[in-house]
């Protein structure tokens, strides 16, 4: 496929964040032109990256910033969306008005389509909102979109398993033998670049792709982690599936994390966060990141800052 047949100009909202930065860097490394939307414009050391100031509260201003781009990628932080719940739709509306060809929504999570289709656990309101958002993009805005499901971020696995290195304990749901999908930030960026390099624009519209760094169970992760630390087994204080369902059902919109974390643990244990099917091969992508190596690297980095 020639460059003329590919999307060439990308705008990344949240392009300096945990997800957005590796996406921006990977696209630029692949030769694409990337506009990183940030609070202030600044010089760039990369000839393929331009930093542009963006006011996300001003839809008309966003339209002007986004004009001339082929693809807009939403990699805004979850905290920004919680603080301004109309932000995703505002960005999508501006994308549509600017004449952009493809929109990548903020789907970086477990495969919510899989959860809804399996229908063996209740779908959390946040997950439901993601699925409704797809319908909004396709049916109301008529905006071509590409969703990308990542599983849980590799950096968030210690939170998912409630790993405490000081007490050498962990807590999850059930027996911990069910593999779940996890993907590292760098692998997400490389997967996005591979998808836009190797798939034609017609193969990217109104669909979802699934990327996987690793598919491992909690027990496999804890065993490998203990081995690399040279320590004994992690003690476990696990919730039952019934207890997790109860905690996940007590939704407090002022503190969504209280119900979201047990729900994510439930997704992992019930097999909703797994699945052998992914699109790594389709886009010619080879993952590089390991769950346990990432956990240890993050722990060393945190220790170095103290």
Protein backbone atom coordinates (compact mmCIF):
# COMPACT_ATOMS: atom_id res chain seq x y z
CA UNK A 1 0.00 0.00 0.00
CA UNK A 2 1.40 3.40 -0.99
CA UNK A 3 1.47 6.48 1.23
CA UNK A 4 -1.15 8.06 -0.99
CA UNK A 5 -3.56 5.27 -0.07
CA UNK A 6 -3.07 5.67 3.69
CA UNK A 7 -4.34 8.23 6.15
CA UNK A 8 -1.45 10.66 6.60
CA UNK A 9 -2.35 13.44 9.05
CA UNK A 10 -3.27 12.62 12.64
CA UNK A 11 -4.44 14.78 15.53
CA UNK A 12 -4.03 13.20 18.97
CA UNK A 13 -6.10 14.67 21.81
CA UNK A 14 -4.21 14.04 25.03
CA UNK A 15 -1.11 13.36 22.96
CA UNK A 16 1.30 14.03 25.84
CA UNK A 17 -0.37 11.59 28.26
CA UNK A 18 0.23 7.96 29.21
CA UNK A 19 -1.57 6.59 26.15
CA UNK A 20 -1.35 9.55 23.82
CA UNK A 21 2.42 10.02 24.02
CA UNK A 22 3.40 6.53 22.79
CA UNK A 23 0.69 6.72 20.12
CA UNK A 24 2.02 10.08 18.89
CA UNK A 25 5.63 8.90 18.97
CA UNK A 26 4.87 5.61 17.20
CA UNK A 27 2.86 7.29 14.45
CA UNK A 28 5.65 9.85 13.94
CA UNK A 29 8.28 7.10 13.85
CA UNK A 30 6.23 5.37 11.13
CA UNK A 31 6.39 8.54 9.03
CA UNK A 32 2.93 9.98 9.69
CA UNK A 33 2.35 13.66 10.39
CA UNK A 34 1.10 14.12 13.96
CA UNK A 35 -0.50 17.14 15.60
CA UNK A 36 -0.44 16.79 19.38
CA UNK A 37 -3.23 18.78 21.00
CA UNK A 38 -2.00 20.21 24.28
CA UNK A 39 -2.76 23.11 26.60
CA UNK A 40 -0.02 25.22 25.06
CA UNK A 41 1.87 25.18 21.77
CA UNK A 42 5.57 24.38 22.06
CA UNK A 43 8.54 23.51 19.83
CA UNK A 44 9.07 19.90 18.79
CA UNK A 45 12.34 18.04 18.33
CA UNK A 46 10.58 15.56 16.02
CA UNK A 47 10.02 16.76 12.46
CA UNK A 48 6.81 14.70 12.24
CA UNK A 49 5.22 16.11 15.42
CA UNK A 50 3.68 19.55 15.92
CA UNK A 51 2.34 20.72 19.30
CA UNK A 52 -0.79 22.83 19.00
CA UNK A 53 -2.75 24.56 21.74
CA UNK A 54 -6.34 23.32 22.05
CA UNK A 55 -9.24 24.57 24.16
CA UNK A 56 -11.40 21.48 24.65
CA UNK A 57 -14.24 23.55 26.10
CA UNK A 58 -14.64 25.51 22.84
CA UNK A 59 -16.15 23.35 20.10
CA UNK A 60 -15.76 25.98 17.38
CA UNK A 61 -12.09 26.43 18.20
CA UNK A 62 -11.60 22.66 18.13
CA UNK A 63 -13.13 22.52 14.64
CA UNK A 64 -10.52 24.97 13.36
CA UNK A 65 -7.65 23.06 14.97
CA UNK A 66 -8.84 19.73 13.52
CA UNK A 67 -9.40 20.87 9.93
CA UNK A 68 -7.04 19.27 7.43
CA UNK A 69 -6.47 16.09 9.44
CA UNK A 70 -7.39 12.60 8.26
CA UNK A 71 -7.74 10.98 11.69
CA UNK A 72 -8.48 12.25 15.21
CA UNK A 73 -7.48 10.01 18.13
CA UNK A 74 -9.01 10.57 21.56
CA UNK A 75 -6.40 9.68 24.18
CA UNK A 76 -7.60 12.11 26.83
CA UNK A 77 -7.15 11.16 30.46
CA UNK A 78 -10.12 9.55 32.20
CA UNK A 79 -9.99 12.28 34.85
CA UNK A 80 -10.55 14.93 32.17
CA UNK A 81 -13.63 13.07 30.94
CA UNK A 82 -15.03 12.68 34.46
CA UNK A 83 -14.58 16.42 35.00
CA UNK A 84 -16.32 17.27 31.71
CA UNK A 85 -18.66 14.47 30.68
CA UNK A 86 -19.66 16.12 27.40
CA UNK A 87 -16.00 16.28 26.32
CA UNK A 88 -15.97 13.04 24.26
CA UNK A 89 -19.07 14.04 22.30
CA UNK A 90 -17.81 17.61 21.88
CA UNK A 91 -14.55 16.31 20.43
CA UNK A 92 -16.45 13.94 18.14
CA UNK A 93 -18.79 16.71 16.94
CA UNK A 94 -15.82 18.96 16.21
CA UNK A 95 -14.16 16.08 14.33
CA UNK A 96 -17.26 15.65 12.18
CA UNK A 97 -17.61 19.39 11.49
CA UNK A 98 -13.92 19.63 10.57
CA UNK A 99 -14.40 17.04 7.81
CA UNK A 100 -12.03 14.49 9.36
CA UNK A 101 -12.25 11.04 7.76
CA UNK A 102 -11.91 8.78 10.83
CA UNK A 103 -12.30 9.10 14.60
CA UNK A 104 -10.67 6.83 17.20
CA UNK A 105 -12.69 7.06 20.44
CA UNK A 106 -11.38 6.62 23.96
CA UNK A 107 -11.94 2.85 24.16
CA UNK A 108 -8.62 1.88 25.75
CA UNK A 109 -9.96 -0.81 28.12
CA UNK A 110 -11.36 -4.32 28.35
CA UNK A 111 -13.50 -5.34 25.36
CA UNK A 112 -16.89 -3.98 26.41
CA UNK A 113 -18.54 -5.52 23.35
CA UNK A 114 -17.45 -8.94 24.61
CA UNK A 115 -18.86 -8.22 28.09
CA UNK A 116 -22.22 -7.16 26.62
CA UNK A 117 -22.40 -10.11 24.24
CA UNK A 118 -21.57 -12.73 26.90
CA UNK A 119 -24.19 -11.19 29.21
CA UNK A 120 -23.09 -13.19 32.27
CA UNK A 121 -22.33 -10.14 34.41
CA UNK A 122 -24.06 -6.76 34.56
CA UNK A 123 -22.40 -4.08 32.45
CA UNK A 124 -21.05 -1.21 34.55
CA UNK A 125 -22.48 2.25 33.69
CA UNK A 126 -19.08 3.44 32.47
CA UNK A 127 -18.82 0.46 30.13
CA UNK A 128 -22.38 1.02 28.96
CA UNK A 129 -21.49 4.61 28.18
CA UNK A 130 -18.68 3.43 25.88
CA UNK A 131 -21.04 1.18 23.94
CA UNK A 132 -23.67 3.92 23.71
CA UNK A 133 -20.95 6.25 22.46
CA UNK A 134 -20.23 3.90 19.55
CA UNK A 135 -23.92 4.05 18.62
CA UNK A 136 -23.83 7.84 18.88
CA UNK A 137 -20.84 8.05 16.52
CA UNK A 138 -22.30 5.65 13.98
CA UNK A 139 -26.02 6.41 14.07
CA UNK A 140 -26.30 10.06 15.09
CA UNK A 141 -23.11 11.70 13.92
CA UNK A 142 -22.53 9.34 10.98
CA UNK A 143 -18.84 9.65 11.82
CA UNK A 144 -16.64 6.71 10.75
CA UNK A 145 -14.81 5.38 13.78
CA UNK A 146 -12.23 2.78 14.82
CA UNK A 147 -12.46 1.41 18.36
CA UNK A 148 -9.41 -0.25 19.90
CA UNK A 149 -9.83 -2.58 22.90
CA UNK A 150 -6.65 -3.04 24.91
CA UNK A 151 -7.59 -5.02 27.99
CA UNK A 152 -6.31 -3.50 31.21
CA UNK A 153 -3.17 -1.39 30.94
CA UNK A 154 -0.15 -3.40 32.07
CA UNK A 155 0.76 -0.60 34.48
CA UNK A 156 -2.64 -1.03 36.17
CA UNK A 157 -2.30 -4.76 36.86
CA UNK A 158 -0.99 -4.20 40.43
CA UNK A 159 -4.15 -2.20 41.11
CA UNK A 160 -6.36 -4.88 39.53
CA UNK A 161 -4.76 -7.56 41.70
CA UNK A 162 -4.40 -5.24 44.74
CA UNK A 163 -0.73 -6.17 45.03
CA UNK A 164 0.95 -4.86 48.19
CA UNK A 165 4.71 -5.35 48.09
CA UNK A 166 5.17 -4.32 51.73
CA UNK A 167 2.83 -7.01 53.08
CA UNK A 168 3.47 -9.39 50.15
CA UNK A 169 -0.26 -9.81 49.59
CA UNK A 170 -2.69 -9.68 46.68
CA UNK A 171 -6.47 -9.70 46.34
CA UNK A 172 -8.64 -10.45 43.35
CA UNK A 173 -11.85 -12.34 42.60
CA UNK A 174 -12.26 -16.11 42.63
CA UNK A 175 -9.42 -18.62 42.30
CA UNK A 176 -7.21 -16.55 39.99
CA UNK A 177 -6.82 -19.15 37.25
CA UNK A 178 -8.60 -17.23 34.48
CA UNK A 179 -6.30 -15.43 31.98
CA UNK A 180 -7.08 -11.80 31.17
CA UNK A 181 -5.75 -9.44 28.52
CA UNK A 182 -3.25 -6.72 29.38
CA UNK A 183 -1.45 -4.32 27.08
CA UNK A 184 1.42 -1.91 27.74
CA UNK A 185 1.37 1.74 26.73
CA UNK A 186 4.23 1.28 24.27
CA UNK A 187 2.56 -1.70 22.64
CA UNK A 188 -0.65 0.31 22.25
CA UNK A 189 1.27 2.99 20.39
CA UNK A 190 3.03 0.47 18.16
CA UNK A 191 -0.24 -1.36 17.45
CA UNK A 192 -1.96 1.87 16.39
CA UNK A 193 0.91 2.74 14.06
CA UNK A 194 0.90 -0.80 12.60
CA UNK A 195 -2.85 -0.67 11.99
CA UNK A 196 -2.63 2.59 10.05
CA UNK A 197 0.46 1.41 8.17
CA UNK A 198 -0.80 -2.01 7.11
CA UNK A 199 -4.57 -1.69 6.78
CA UNK A 200 -6.35 0.31 4.08
CA UNK A 201 -8.69 3.11 5.22
CA UNK A 202 -11.69 0.99 4.16
CA UNK A 203 -10.54 -1.74 6.60
CA UNK A 204 -10.53 0.68 9.51
CA UNK A 205 -14.01 2.16 9.37
CA UNK A 206 -16.83 1.37 11.83
CA UNK A 207 -15.15 -1.54 13.49
CA UNK A 208 -13.13 -2.48 16.56
CA UNK A 209 -9.66 -4.00 16.83
CA UNK A 210 -8.21 -5.91 19.77
CA UNK A 211 -4.57 -5.63 20.84
CA UNK A 212 -2.86 -7.88 23.37
CA UNK A 213 0.57 -7.68 25.00
CA UNK A 214 0.00 -10.72 27.20
CA UNK A 215 -2.82 -13.04 28.25
CA UNK A 216 -2.11 -14.32 31.78
CA UNK A 217 -3.99 -15.34 34.92
CA UNK A 218 -3.49 -13.67 38.33
CA UNK A 219 -1.83 -16.81 39.67
CA UNK A 220 0.59 -16.93 36.71
CA UNK A 221 1.49 -13.27 37.22
CA UNK A 222 2.03 -13.64 40.98
CA UNK A 223 4.12 -16.80 40.55
CA UNK A 224 6.38 -15.12 37.97
CA UNK A 225 6.59 -11.96 40.06
CA UNK A 226 7.58 -13.89 43.19
CA UNK A 227 10.21 -15.78 41.18
CA UNK A 228 11.81 -12.62 39.83
CA UNK A 229 11.73 -10.97 43.26
CA UNK A 230 13.27 -14.08 44.81
CA UNK A 231 10.53 -14.07 47.44
CA UNK A 232 7.94 -16.52 48.67
CA UNK A 233 4.40 -16.80 47.36
CA UNK A 234 2.07 -13.82 47.65
CA UNK A 235 -0.61 -14.33 50.29
CA UNK A 236 -4.10 -14.00 48.85
CA UNK A 237 -7.24 -12.52 50.38
CA UNK A 238 -9.69 -12.91 47.52
CA UNK A 239 -13.31 -11.89 47.03
CA UNK A 240 -15.96 -14.33 45.92
CA UNK A 241 -17.74 -13.66 42.64
CA UNK A 242 -20.93 -12.97 44.60
CA UNK A 243 -19.18 -10.39 46.80
CA UNK A 244 -17.64 -8.68 43.75
CA UNK A 245 -21.02 -8.52 42.03
CA UNK A 246 -22.52 -6.86 45.10
CA UNK A 247 -19.72 -4.30 45.36
CA UNK A 248 -19.88 -3.58 41.62
CA UNK A 249 -23.63 -3.01 41.77
CA UNK A 250 -23.35 -0.29 44.42
CA UNK A 251 -22.66 2.51 41.95
CA UNK A 252 -21.91 5.90 43.48
CA UNK A 253 -21.50 8.43 40.68
CA UNK A 254 -19.54 10.72 43.01
CA UNK A 255 -16.94 7.94 43.51
CA UNK A 256 -17.10 5.59 40.53
CA UNK A 257 -13.83 3.87 41.46
CA UNK A 258 -15.46 2.14 44.45
CA UNK A 259 -17.68 0.10 42.13
CA UNK A 260 -15.46 0.13 39.04
CA UNK A 261 -12.50 -1.73 40.57
CA UNK A 262 -14.50 -4.75 41.81
CA UNK A 263 -16.27 -4.78 38.45
CA UNK A 264 -12.95 -4.91 36.59
CA UNK A 265 -11.79 -7.71 38.89
CA UNK A 266 -15.05 -9.49 38.06
CA UNK A 267 -14.51 -8.99 34.33
CA UNK A 268 -11.08 -10.59 34.63
CA UNK A 269 -12.18 -13.60 36.70
CA UNK A 270 -15.29 -14.47 34.66
CA UNK A 271 -13.39 -14.65 31.39
CA UNK A 272 -14.91 -11.44 30.04
CA UNK A 273 -11.44 -9.87 30.06
CA UNK A 274 -9.82 -12.70 28.12
CA UNK A 275 -10.38 -14.35 24.80
CA UNK A 276 -7.92 -15.85 22.38
CA UNK A 277 -9.07 -13.68 19.49
CA UNK A 278 -7.07 -10.53 18.84
CA UNK A 279 -5.89 -8.52 15.85
CA UNK A 280 -2.13 -8.49 16.43
CA UNK A 281 -1.51 -10.66 13.36
CA UNK A 282 -4.02 -8.77 11.22
CA UNK A 283 -2.08 -5.52 11.55
CA UNK A 284 1.35 -7.27 11.53
CA UNK A 285 2.11 -6.35 15.13
CA UNK A 286 4.43 -8.19 17.53
CA UNK A 287 4.00 -7.22 21.21
CA UNK A 288 7.13 -6.39 23.20
CA UNK A 289 5.89 -5.65 26.72
CA UNK A 290 5.65 -8.09 29.63
CA UNK A 291 3.25 -7.67 32.55
CA UNK A 292 5.75 -8.68 35.24
CA UNK A 293 8.70 -6.79 33.72
CA UNK A 294 6.53 -3.65 33.56
CA UNK A 295 5.45 -4.06 37.19
CA UNK A 296 9.07 -4.39 38.31
CA UNK A 297 10.26 -1.49 36.16
CA UNK A 298 7.50 0.77 37.51
CA UNK A 299 8.38 -0.28 41.07
CA UNK A 300 12.05 0.55 40.51
CA UNK A 301 11.14 3.91 38.99
CA UNK A 302 8.90 4.75 41.95
CA UNK A 303 11.68 3.77 44.36
CA UNK A 304 14.21 5.95 42.53
CA UNK A 305 11.93 9.00 42.98
CA UNK A 306 11.82 8.60 46.76
